[in-house]
Structure formats: structure tokens, C-alpha cells
Protein backbone atom coordinates (compact mmCIF):
# COMPACT_ATOMS: atom_id res chain seq x y z
CA UNK A 1 7.69 0.92 -9.75
CA UNK A 2 7.14 4.38 -8.11
CA UNK A 3 4.23 4.98 -5.80
CA UNK A 4 2.59 7.35 -8.54
CA UNK A 5 2.76 4.45 -11.19
CA UNK A 6 1.27 1.94 -8.85
CA UNK A 7 -1.50 4.39 -7.77
CA UNK A 8 -2.07 4.77 -11.61
CA UNK A 9 -2.22 1.17 -12.24
CA UNK A 10 -4.45 0.56 -9.25
CA UNK A 11 -6.94 3.39 -10.14
CA UNK A 12 -6.98 1.99 -13.89
CA UNK A 13 -7.71 -1.50 -12.78
CA UNK A 14 -10.53 -0.38 -10.48
CA UNK A 15 -12.28 1.63 -13.04
CA UNK A 16 -11.95 -0.98 -15.69
CA UNK A 17 -13.29 -3.59 -13.21
CA UNK A 18 -16.25 -1.30 -12.58
CA UNK A 19 -16.67 -0.80 -16.28
CA UNK A 20 -16.82 -4.50 -17.07
CA UNK A 21 -19.14 -5.41 -14.06
CA UNK A 22 -22.20 -5.44 -16.45
CA UNK A 23 -20.81 -8.68 -17.87
CA UNK A 24 -20.47 -10.26 -14.48
CA UNK A 25 -24.09 -9.12 -13.20
CA UNK A 26 -25.70 -10.53 -16.43
CA UNK A 27 -24.49 -13.97 -15.11
CA UNK A 28 -26.88 -13.48 -12.08
CA UNK A 29 -29.76 -12.25 -14.11
CA UNK A 30 -31.72 -15.37 -13.13
CA UNK A 31 -31.64 -14.23 -9.43
CA UNK A 32 -33.98 -11.35 -8.03
CA UNK A 33 -32.22 -8.15 -7.69
CA UNK A 34 -32.92 -7.83 -4.02
CA UNK A 35 -31.25 -11.36 -3.40
CA UNK A 36 -28.22 -10.21 -5.42
CA UNK A 37 -28.01 -7.18 -3.21
CA UNK A 38 -28.32 -9.04 -0.06
CA UNK A 39 -25.44 -11.38 -1.17
CA UNK A 40 -23.41 -8.40 -2.16
CA UNK A 41 -23.77 -6.71 1.20
CA UNK A 42 -23.08 -9.82 3.32
CA UNK A 43 -20.04 -11.08 1.40
CA UNK A 44 -18.72 -7.58 0.87
CA UNK A 45 -18.79 -6.89 4.53
CA UNK A 46 -17.06 -10.26 5.42
CA UNK A 47 -14.32 -9.48 3.10
CA UNK A 48 -13.91 -5.98 3.96
CA UNK A 49 -13.93 -6.91 7.65
CA UNK A 50 -11.17 -9.54 6.77
CA UNK A 51 -9.07 -7.10 4.96
CA UNK A 52 -9.14 -4.58 8.05
CA UNK A 53 -8.21 -7.54 10.34
CA UNK A 54 -5.33 -8.69 8.12
CA UNK A 55 -3.95 -5.19 7.72
CA UNK A 56 -4.26 -4.49 11.40
CA UNK A 57 -6.62 -1.57 10.75
CA UNK A 58 -9.68 -2.87 12.63
CA UNK A 59 -8.49 -2.02 16.02
CA UNK A 60 -8.26 1.79 14.88
CA UNK A 61 -11.81 1.57 13.57
CA UNK A 62 -13.04 0.20 16.76
CA UNK A 63 -11.33 2.59 18.81
CA UNK A 64 -12.41 5.65 16.62
CA UNK A 65 -14.55 7.92 18.63
CA UNK A 66 -17.71 8.40 16.30
CA UNK A 67 -20.24 10.94 17.30
CA UNK A 68 -24.02 10.26 17.09
CA UNK A 69 -24.14 12.16 14.09
CA UNK A 70 -21.45 10.35 12.37
CA UNK A 71 -23.31 7.18 13.21
CA UNK A 72 -26.23 8.52 11.68
CA UNK A 73 -24.49 9.59 8.47
CA UNK A 74 -22.93 6.09 8.05
CA UNK A 75 -26.20 4.38 8.50
CA UNK A 76 -27.66 6.71 5.99
CA UNK A 77 -24.78 6.32 3.45
CA UNK A 78 -25.21 2.52 3.92
CA UNK A 79 -28.69 2.68 2.79
CA UNK A 80 -27.63 5.06 0.07
CA UNK A 81 -24.93 2.66 -1.41
CA UNK A 82 -27.08 -0.41 -0.98
CA UNK A 83 -29.67 1.37 -3.01
CA UNK A 84 -27.26 2.40 -5.65
CA UNK A 85 -26.18 -1.37 -5.93
CA UNK A 86 -29.84 -2.47 -6.19
CA UNK A 87 -30.67 0.07 -9.03
CA UNK A 88 -27.52 -0.72 -10.88
CA UNK A 89 -28.33 -4.66 -11.02
CA UNK A 90 -31.80 -3.80 -11.92
CA UNK A 91 -30.80 -1.58 -14.59
CA UNK A 92 -28.24 -4.13 -16.10
CA UNK A 93 -30.55 -7.33 -15.79
CA UNK A 94 -33.51 -5.33 -17.50
CA UNK A 95 -31.30 -4.43 -20.59
CA UNK A 96 -30.55 -0.90 -19.54
CA UNK A 97 -26.79 -1.03 -19.49
CA UNK A 98 -26.66 2.23 -21.83
CA UNK A 99 -28.82 4.25 -19.47
CA UNK A 100 -26.75 3.01 -16.50
CA UNK A 101 -23.66 4.68 -18.19
CA UNK A 102 -25.39 7.66 -18.74
CA UNK A 103 -26.00 7.86 -14.87
CA UNK A 104 -22.45 7.57 -14.25
CA UNK A 105 -21.37 10.17 -16.85
CA UNK A 106 -23.53 12.73 -15.26
CA UNK A 107 -22.71 11.63 -11.66
CA UNK A 108 -19.62 14.16 -11.38
CA UNK A 109 -21.61 17.07 -12.60
CA UNK A 110 -24.45 16.14 -10.02
CA UNK A 111 -21.91 16.05 -7.34
CA UNK A 112 -20.74 19.62 -8.19
CA UNK A 113 -24.44 20.82 -8.37
CA UNK A 114 -24.99 19.09 -4.86
CA UNK A 115 -21.88 21.05 -3.51
CA UNK A 116 -23.29 24.13 -4.65
CA UNK A 117 -26.94 23.60 -3.30
CA UNK A 118 -26.24 21.85 -0.01
CA UNK A 119 -22.51 23.13 1.11
CA UNK A 120 -22.86 26.56 -0.37
CA UNK A 121 -19.91 26.20 -2.71
CA UNK A 122 -19.74 28.79 -5.44
CA UNK A 123 -19.78 27.55 -8.97
CA UNK A 124 -17.70 29.12 -11.60
CA UNK A 125 -19.19 30.11 -15.08
CA UNK A 126 -17.79 27.04 -16.66
CA UNK A 127 -19.42 24.80 -14.21
CA UNK A 128 -22.72 26.46 -14.65
CA UNK A 129 -22.46 25.89 -18.47
CA UNK A 130 -21.48 22.20 -18.15
CA UNK A 131 -24.39 21.46 -15.76
CA UNK A 132 -26.73 23.30 -18.28
CA UNK A 133 -25.54 21.40 -21.18
CA UNK A 134 -25.80 18.05 -19.21
CA UNK A 135 -29.51 19.05 -18.25
CA UNK A 136 -30.39 19.53 -21.78
CA UNK A 137 -28.71 16.22 -22.60
CA UNK A 138 -30.87 14.46 -19.95
CA UNK A 139 -34.05 15.96 -21.21
CA UNK A 140 -33.27 14.74 -24.70
CA UNK A 141 -32.51 11.45 -23.39
CA UNK A 142 -35.99 11.51 -21.92
CA UNK A 143 -37.50 12.22 -25.10
CA UNK A 144 -35.49 9.53 -26.80
CA UNK A 145 -36.44 6.87 -24.17
CA UNK A 146 -39.92 8.11 -24.36
CA UNK A 147 -39.87 8.17 -20.50
CA UNK A 148 -37.62 9.71 -17.67
CA UNK A 149 -34.34 7.78 -17.59
CA UNK A 150 -35.14 6.89 -13.86
CA UNK A 151 -32.28 4.42 -13.74
CA UNK A 152 -29.61 7.04 -14.89
CA UNK A 153 -31.08 9.62 -12.43
CA UNK A 154 -31.47 7.18 -9.60
CA UNK A 155 -27.83 6.12 -10.13
CA UNK A 156 -26.48 9.69 -10.09
CA UNK A 157 -28.72 10.71 -7.37
CA UNK A 158 -27.75 7.98 -4.99
CA UNK A 159 -23.98 8.06 -5.80
CA UNK A 160 -23.85 11.73 -5.78
CA UNK A 161 -25.58 11.97 -2.46
CA UNK A 162 -23.39 9.06 -0.99
CA UNK A 163 -20.24 11.15 -2.17
CA UNK A 164 -21.70 14.23 -0.21
CA UNK A 165 -22.13 12.01 3.10
CA UNK A 166 -18.41 11.24 2.90
CA UNK A 167 -18.01 15.07 3.64
CA UNK A 168 -19.22 14.38 6.97
CA UNK A 169 -17.10 11.21 8.04
CA UNK A 170 -13.35 11.36 8.56
CA UNK A 171 -12.77 7.63 8.25
CA UNK A 172 -10.84 6.31 5.14
CA UNK A 173 -13.11 4.99 2.30
CA UNK A 174 -12.53 1.11 3.36
CA UNK A 175 -13.08 1.64 6.98
CA UNK A 176 -16.15 3.72 6.45
CA UNK A 177 -17.72 1.25 3.91
CA UNK A 178 -17.04 -1.58 6.36
CA UNK A 179 -18.99 0.39 9.05
CA UNK A 180 -21.81 1.23 6.52
CA UNK A 181 -22.09 -2.47 5.41
CA UNK A 182 -22.33 -3.31 9.09
CA UNK A 183 -25.33 -1.33 9.35
CA UNK A 184 -27.16 -3.24 6.57
CA UNK A 185 -25.60 -6.65 6.86
CA UNK A 186 -28.27 -7.99 9.76
CA UNK A 187 -31.27 -7.19 7.39
CA UNK A 188 -29.31 -8.66 4.43
CA UNK A 189 -28.57 -12.01 6.11
CA UNK A 190 -32.13 -12.06 7.73
CA UNK A 191 -33.52 -11.57 4.27
CA UNK A 192 -31.29 -14.56 2.76
CA UNK A 193 -32.21 -16.84 5.59
CA UNK A 194 -36.00 -16.32 5.12
CA UNK A 195 -35.88 -16.19 1.39
CA UNK A 196 -37.81 -18.92 -0.51
CA UNK A 197 -35.86 -18.27 -3.78
CA UNK A 198 -33.19 -21.04 -3.25
CA UNK A 199 -30.35 -18.80 -3.58
CA UNK A 200 -29.67 -19.22 0.06
CA UNK A 201 -27.93 -22.42 -0.94
CA UNK A 202 -24.90 -20.24 -1.27
CA UNK A 203 -24.55 -20.74 2.50
CA UNK A 204 -24.36 -24.45 2.47
CA UNK A 205 -23.08 -25.77 -0.90
CA UNK A 206 -20.23 -25.25 -3.43
CA UNK A 207 -22.30 -25.30 -6.57
CA UNK A 208 -21.67 -22.79 -9.68
CA UNK A 209 -24.40 -20.36 -8.70
CA UNK A 210 -23.56 -20.48 -5.02
CA UNK A 211 -19.93 -19.58 -5.76
CA UNK A 212 -21.09 -16.92 -8.16
CA UNK A 213 -23.24 -15.23 -5.54
CA UNK A 214 -20.53 -15.31 -3.04
CA UNK A 215 -18.07 -13.77 -5.27
CA UNK A 216 -20.18 -10.74 -5.35
CA UNK A 217 -18.04 -9.80 -2.27
CA UNK A 218 -14.87 -10.16 -4.15
CA UNK A 219 -15.97 -8.10 -7.19
CA UNK A 220 -17.05 -5.37 -4.62
CA UNK A 221 -14.19 -5.31 -2.35
CA UNK A 222 -11.17 -5.79 -4.70
CA UNK A 223 -11.70 -2.76 -7.06
CA UNK A 224 -12.51 -0.70 -3.66
CA UNK A 225 -9.33 -1.61 -2.18
CA UNK A 226 -7.42 -0.78 -5.52
CA UNK A 227 -9.21 2.63 -5.44
CA UNK A 228 -8.63 3.47 -1.74
CA UNK A 229 -4.85 2.84 -2.56
CA UNK A 230 -4.86 5.05 -5.69
CA UNK A 231 -6.70 7.90 -3.97
CA UNK A 232 -3.68 8.28 -1.76
CA UNK A 233 -1.40 8.34 -4.38
CA UNK A 234 -2.80 10.34 -7.03
CA UNK A 235 -4.00 14.03 -7.49
CA UNK A 236 -7.91 14.56 -7.59
CA UNK A 237 -7.83 15.62 -11.19
CA UNK A 238 -6.16 12.38 -12.32
CA UNK A 239 -8.77 10.33 -10.53
CA UNK A 240 -11.42 12.54 -12.11
CA UNK A 241 -10.19 11.89 -15.56
CA UNK A 242 -9.84 8.16 -15.01
CA UNK A 243 -13.30 7.75 -13.59
CA UNK A 244 -14.74 7.97 -17.03
CA UNK A 245 -13.26 4.80 -17.75
CA UNK A 246 -16.02 2.97 -16.25
CA UNK A 247 -19.05 4.49 -18.04
CA UNK A 248 -17.32 4.47 -21.40
CA UNK A 249 -16.75 0.55 -21.02
CA UNK A 250 -20.34 0.37 -19.88
CA UNK A 251 -21.48 2.37 -23.07
CA UNK A 252 -19.23 0.23 -25.24
CA UNK A 253 -20.77 -3.04 -23.76
CA UNK A 254 -24.25 -1.87 -24.22
CA UNK A 255 -23.94 -1.01 -27.85
CA UNK A 256 -21.48 -3.37 -29.15
CA UNK A 257 -22.07 -6.65 -26.97
CA UNK A 258 -25.54 -6.33 -25.61
CA UNK A 259 -26.83 -4.57 -28.74
CA UNK A 260 -29.08 -2.11 -27.02
CA UNK A 261 -30.64 0.47 -29.27
CA UNK A 262 -28.68 3.56 -29.95
CA UNK A 263 -30.71 5.81 -32.20
CA UNK A 264 -30.19 9.36 -33.28
CA UNK A 265 -31.98 10.77 -30.22
CA UNK A 266 -29.79 8.97 -27.83
CA UNK A 267 -26.67 9.69 -29.73
CA UNK A 268 -27.61 13.43 -29.57
CA UNK A 269 -28.37 13.17 -25.87
CA UNK A 270 -25.09 11.27 -25.13
CA UNK A 271 -23.16 13.79 -27.38
CA UNK A 272 -24.38 16.69 -25.30
CA UNK A 273 -23.48 14.62 -21.97
CA UNK A 274 -20.00 14.37 -23.42
CA UNK A 275 -19.72 18.02 -24.49
CA UNK A 276 -20.67 18.87 -20.71
CA UNK A 277 -18.13 16.63 -19.51
CA UNK A 278 -15.44 18.12 -21.97
CA UNK A 279 -16.38 21.64 -20.81
CA UNK A 280 -16.25 20.53 -17.25
CA UNK A 281 -12.98 19.15 -17.49
CA UNK A 282 -11.38 21.94 -19.70
CA UNK A 283 -12.68 24.47 -17.18
CA UNK A 284 -11.37 22.69 -14.33
CA UNK A 285 -7.85 22.31 -16.10
CA UNK A 286 -7.79 26.04 -16.74
CA UNK A 287 -8.76 26.94 -13.32
CA UNK A 288 -5.95 24.73 -11.88
CA UNK A 289 -3.41 26.50 -14.22
CA UNK A 290 -4.70 30.00 -13.17
CA UNK A 291 -4.44 29.19 -9.54
CA UNK A 292 -0.90 27.65 -9.85
CA UNK A 293 0.14 30.67 -11.75
CA UNK A 294 -1.25 32.92 -8.95
CA UNK A 295 0.60 30.82 -6.28
CA UNK A 296 3.85 31.23 -8.25
CA UNK A 297 3.45 34.97 -8.53
CA UNK A 298 2.82 35.17 -4.80
CA UNK A 299 5.89 33.17 -3.98
CA UNK A 300 8.06 35.49 -6.24
CA UNK A 301 6.61 38.62 -4.55
CA UNK A 302 7.58 37.02 -1.24
CA UNK A 303 11.36 36.55 -2.35
CA UNK A 304 13.72 39.18 -1.09
CA UNK A 305 14.88 41.73 -3.64
């Protein structure tokens, strides 16, 4: 199997796993979201650190010279991804899987918006159009829900900002996430040790719930390792297309498995979000073709007559 096919398989596996995660988090609905988060941080850190050790990459991480600003960014991004995980579990276990899928549908558009506002990147007309349509879709979603879709906005906001912080750290995704987890693993472990809820039994026994809580690290680390491998093998536009597998599966689970309400207002809101994504992807494909054509023309001009 070629590396490109392996990358495609790894990326598809990661996005399918992330899309089906609501089924897993529902199994932990009896536990407070903060305890689930603390377990996820602890076990993810242990598994990621073990992966780096087994793949002989830990030494490189320890020897990497990180500036003070990079350390601050890693601590901040650790807080961001932890916040994103917390909101996600809260959304799933409160019966808002549909709204969580909305957050991940608008996330790529929010990242483009952040790039323009924070990094000064110039938006093209099609990107402005896509963001405008998505904004109208979010407003309609707010009217449909009868409230601001705070789960969706929080998920898109934390993940989008998290993606932005990656611009300021040169480490690979697994290495940087391990360091991010190292910045929050101490308070997470302390929280579990001092918790009165009883889920700290995951430290000392092998009951069903204990194993389920400990497996939060597996469901976090395995898709991430697959994604990290795929990111090196596939072009960004392929990853961009594949990423919509996750919120699409979440949407299907919300409507057809969990039976969440999907009335006309929400259907229109989602239709606008999907239209914005279609405009975004189509504009990106056209821009790539124009750029490739210009590059080909330049190469032809450089050829001797």
C-alpha cells in the first residue's frame, strides 16, 4: 500500500473515530464532566508520553530549545484544548450532539476568520461570502434554539483559537500535545485524588467504569496518532475535505440515534452552514487551480525558446 493510501486510510479512520465519539461519551454520562476531563487529560498524557518513548522521539522533545514565549503558548493551548474537551463532553451528555456538530461545521470558517483578524491574512471574496453565509446560519440557529448556541460557539472558538496557537510552535502535533498535557496533568491528577465522586477508583481497581474512564486516553491518543501520520502524507486540501466526516457523523447520530429535535428552523440554519462550507470549498478549489495554472505559465515562460 502506498504512503498516500495509508495516509488516506489513517485520516479517514481518525475522522470516523472522532465522529462516533458521542456514542462513547454517552457511556460516561453518569460522571461529572470535570472528572471525565481530568481522566482524559491524565490517561492521554500517559499514552502520548509512552508513544514518544517507544518511538524514540521523547529525547528530541526534551532536547528541543523552547523559548519562554513558546512555553507560554503551550500552556495556553493546553488550557484551550482542555476547555474544548470539557465543553464537548458537556454538550454530548446534556443532549446537544446536534449543536456540537454545528460547532465543528463552522470551525474551519472561524479559523479563516481568525487568520484574517489576528494574522492579517487577506481574505478572498469567496471566503468573505462563506463567512457571511455561516454568520447568518448561526443567527438562525440562535432563533431556532431560542438562545445563543453557546456549545457550538464555544467548541468552534476554543478549537479555532487552539489551531491558531499552533502557528507559534514548531513541534509536531503529538509532541506539542504531550507538552500541552504536561502543563495540565498535575491539576487534573490532583483533582482526581481529592475528588469525592468515587471515580478515582479507576486508579485502584479494574471495574467496568474504571476501565471505561481509563480508556479515555486511548480514544484520545489513537485518532490523534492516525491524524498526525496522515497530515504528513496528504495535501492540506484533502485533509480539509475529510475533516467534515466528523461533524457529519455527529449530525447523523444526533438526529437518527439520539432523536434530538431537528425542526424546520434548525434545518434552514444547517442548510446555510452547509452552503457556506460548499462556497468555501469550491472557492478554495478554484483558487488552487488558478494558482497552479499561473505556476505552469511561469515555468513555460522560463523555458528557452
